[in-house]
Protein backbone atom coordinates (compact mmCIF):
# COMPACT_ATOMS: atom_id res chain seq x y z
CA LEU A 1 6.32 -12.40 -25.19
CA ALA A 2 9.30 -11.94 -22.87
CA HIS A 3 9.65 -8.29 -23.85
CA LEU A 4 6.08 -7.72 -22.63
CA GLY A 5 6.79 -9.01 -19.12
CA GLY A 6 7.22 -5.58 -17.53
CA ALA A 7 4.13 -4.16 -19.17
CA LEU A 8 2.02 -7.18 -18.25
CA THR A 9 3.19 -7.04 -14.65
CA SER A 10 2.46 -3.32 -14.43
CA ALA A 11 -0.97 -3.79 -15.96
CA ALA A 12 -1.74 -6.60 -13.52
CA PHE A 13 -0.76 -4.50 -10.49
CA LEU A 14 -2.77 -1.56 -11.84
CA ALA A 15 -5.81 -3.81 -12.15
CA LEU A 16 -5.23 -5.28 -8.67
CA THR A 17 -5.17 -1.79 -7.16
CA ILE A 18 -8.80 -1.12 -8.08
CA PRO A 19 -10.35 -3.70 -5.69
CA VAL A 20 -8.03 -2.47 -2.92
CA LEU A 21 -9.27 1.09 -3.46
CA ALA A 22 -12.87 -0.18 -3.41
CA ALA A 23 -12.25 -2.06 -0.16
CA THR A 24 -10.70 1.07 1.36
CA GLY A 25 -13.78 3.07 0.42
CA ARG A 26 -16.04 0.46 1.99
CA VAL A 27 -13.98 0.45 5.20
CA LEU A 28 -14.39 4.22 5.37
CA GLY A 29 -18.14 3.87 4.89
CA LEU A 30 -18.28 5.73 1.60
CA ALA A 31 -21.39 5.33 -0.52
CA THR A 32 -21.18 2.83 -3.35
CA PRO A 33 -21.49 5.49 -6.10
CA VAL A 34 -18.57 7.40 -4.54
CA VAL A 35 -16.42 4.26 -4.35
CA ALA A 36 -17.30 3.36 -7.93
CA SER A 37 -16.48 6.88 -9.10
CA VAL A 38 -13.07 6.82 -7.40
CA CYS A 39 -12.28 3.45 -8.97
CA VAL A 40 -13.36 4.57 -12.45
CA LEU A 41 -11.41 7.82 -12.19
CA PHE A 42 -8.34 5.91 -11.05
CA ALA A 43 -8.64 3.33 -13.82
CA ALA A 44 -9.33 5.92 -16.52
CA ASN A 45 -6.56 8.30 -15.47
CA PRO A 46 -4.22 8.67 -18.46
CA VAL A 47 -1.13 8.66 -16.23
CA MET A 48 -2.22 5.35 -14.66
CA LEU A 49 -2.94 3.86 -18.06
CA TRP A 50 0.44 4.98 -19.36
CA SER A 51 2.27 3.62 -16.29
CA GLY A 52 0.37 0.36 -16.53
CA ALA A 53 1.16 -0.05 -20.21
CA THR A 54 4.87 0.78 -20.10
CA GLY A 55 6.17 -1.56 -17.41
CA MET A 56 7.01 1.07 -14.83
CA SER A 57 7.45 0.27 -11.14
CA GLU A 58 5.03 3.02 -10.13
CA THR A 59 2.03 0.75 -10.58
CA THR A 60 3.54 -1.94 -8.35
CA PHE A 61 4.47 0.67 -5.75
CA GLY A 62 0.97 2.16 -6.05
CA PHE A 63 -0.63 -1.23 -5.40
CA PHE A 64 1.39 -1.82 -2.24
CA ALA A 65 0.82 1.79 -1.12
CA ALA A 66 -2.92 1.22 -1.59
CA VAL A 67 -2.66 -1.93 0.54
CA ALA A 68 -0.87 0.06 3.25
CA LEU A 69 -3.53 2.80 3.02
CA TYR A 70 -6.24 0.16 3.36
CA GLY A 71 -4.55 -1.06 6.55
CA VAL A 72 -4.28 2.49 7.91
CA CYS A 73 -7.97 3.09 7.26
CA ARG A 74 -8.94 -0.23 8.83
CA PHE A 75 -6.82 0.62 11.87
CA ALA A 76 -8.48 4.04 12.11
CA VAL A 77 -11.89 2.37 12.19
CA GLU A 78 -11.21 -0.89 14.10
CA ARG A 79 -7.97 -0.36 16.06
CA SER A 80 -7.05 -3.99 15.28
CA SER A 81 -3.58 -5.47 15.20
CA HIS A 82 -4.46 -7.25 11.96
CA ALA A 83 -4.79 -3.86 10.27
CA LEU A 84 -1.28 -2.92 11.43
CA VAL A 85 0.08 -6.13 9.92
CA VAL A 86 -1.57 -5.17 6.62
CA VAL A 87 0.13 -1.76 6.82
CA GLY A 88 3.51 -3.41 7.48
CA LEU A 89 3.13 -5.88 4.62
CA GLY A 90 2.02 -3.09 2.27
CA LEU A 91 5.08 -1.06 3.24
CA ALA A 92 7.29 -4.12 2.75
CA GLY A 93 5.98 -4.38 -0.81
CA CYS A 94 6.59 -0.65 -1.28
CA MET A 95 10.16 -1.10 -0.03
CA GLY A 96 10.70 -3.81 -2.61
CA CYS A 97 9.79 -1.29 -5.32
CA LYS A 98 11.24 2.04 -4.24
CA PHE A 99 13.60 3.45 -1.64
CA GLU A 100 11.17 6.31 -0.96
CA THR A 101 9.59 3.97 1.56
CA LEU A 102 12.54 4.73 3.86
CA VAL A 103 10.75 8.01 4.60
CA ILE A 104 7.18 6.73 4.61
CA ALA A 105 7.66 3.69 6.88
CA PRO A 106 9.08 5.46 9.96
CA VAL A 107 6.50 8.23 9.72
CA LEU A 108 3.65 5.71 9.60
CA ALA A 109 5.20 3.56 12.34
CA VAL A 110 5.50 6.51 14.73
CA THR A 111 2.10 7.94 13.83
CA LEU A 112 0.24 4.64 14.20
CA GLY A 113 2.21 3.86 17.35
CA ILE A 114 0.99 7.13 18.87
CA VAL A 115 -2.57 6.49 17.74
CA ALA A 116 -2.46 2.95 19.18
CA GLY A 117 -2.00 4.38 22.64
CA HIS A 118 0.40 4.26 25.53
CA ASP A 119 0.07 0.54 26.23
CA ARG A 120 0.36 -0.64 22.59
CA TRP A 121 2.69 1.86 20.92
CA ARG A 122 5.78 -0.39 20.79
CA SER A 123 4.03 -3.39 19.31
CA ALA A 124 2.03 -1.22 16.90
CA ALA A 125 5.14 0.57 15.66
CA ALA A 126 6.99 -2.75 15.32
CA MET A 127 4.19 -4.34 13.28
CA VAL A 128 4.39 -1.43 10.85
CA ALA A 129 8.18 -0.93 10.77
CA VAL A 130 9.68 -4.43 10.89
CA PRO A 131 8.44 -5.80 7.51
CA PRO A 132 9.87 -2.93 5.42
CA VAL A 133 13.10 -2.99 7.43
CA VAL A 134 13.48 -6.72 6.70
CA VAL A 135 12.96 -6.09 2.97
CA PHE A 136 15.45 -3.20 3.07
CA VAL A 137 18.09 -5.37 4.78
CA LEU A 138 17.53 -8.25 2.35
CA TRP A 139 17.67 -5.86 -0.61
CA THR A 140 20.85 -4.21 0.68
CA VAL A 141 22.61 -7.51 1.40
CA ALA A 142 21.58 -9.14 -1.87
């Protein structure tokens, strides 16, 4: 059973991504049939099934990227600080999976900081950027 650990973890993260995609669709106000179609197409995609069955880190990264996307969409609709925290935590999870987040995190931090407005840009950018930076530092030191 130990040799299946990677595949089981990947499959679990693939399955967990589907409700996050559905929640993102609901936040955006998409019709239920559209949200259901996106979720089915995602789940039935042969590349996703292969990644989920082979223990690859792409499914874990995809889950955390979906969480970050959910936060971005919530922020676009609500302009709440809680949504920015979700983005930061999603990016922190992404950073734990892949170094590509070093490019994504600053871009999102600056973009969401600008969108947050003149009076909130520093705190907005910090809420997005600090969690992945902490994971990067811990990963580098460890």
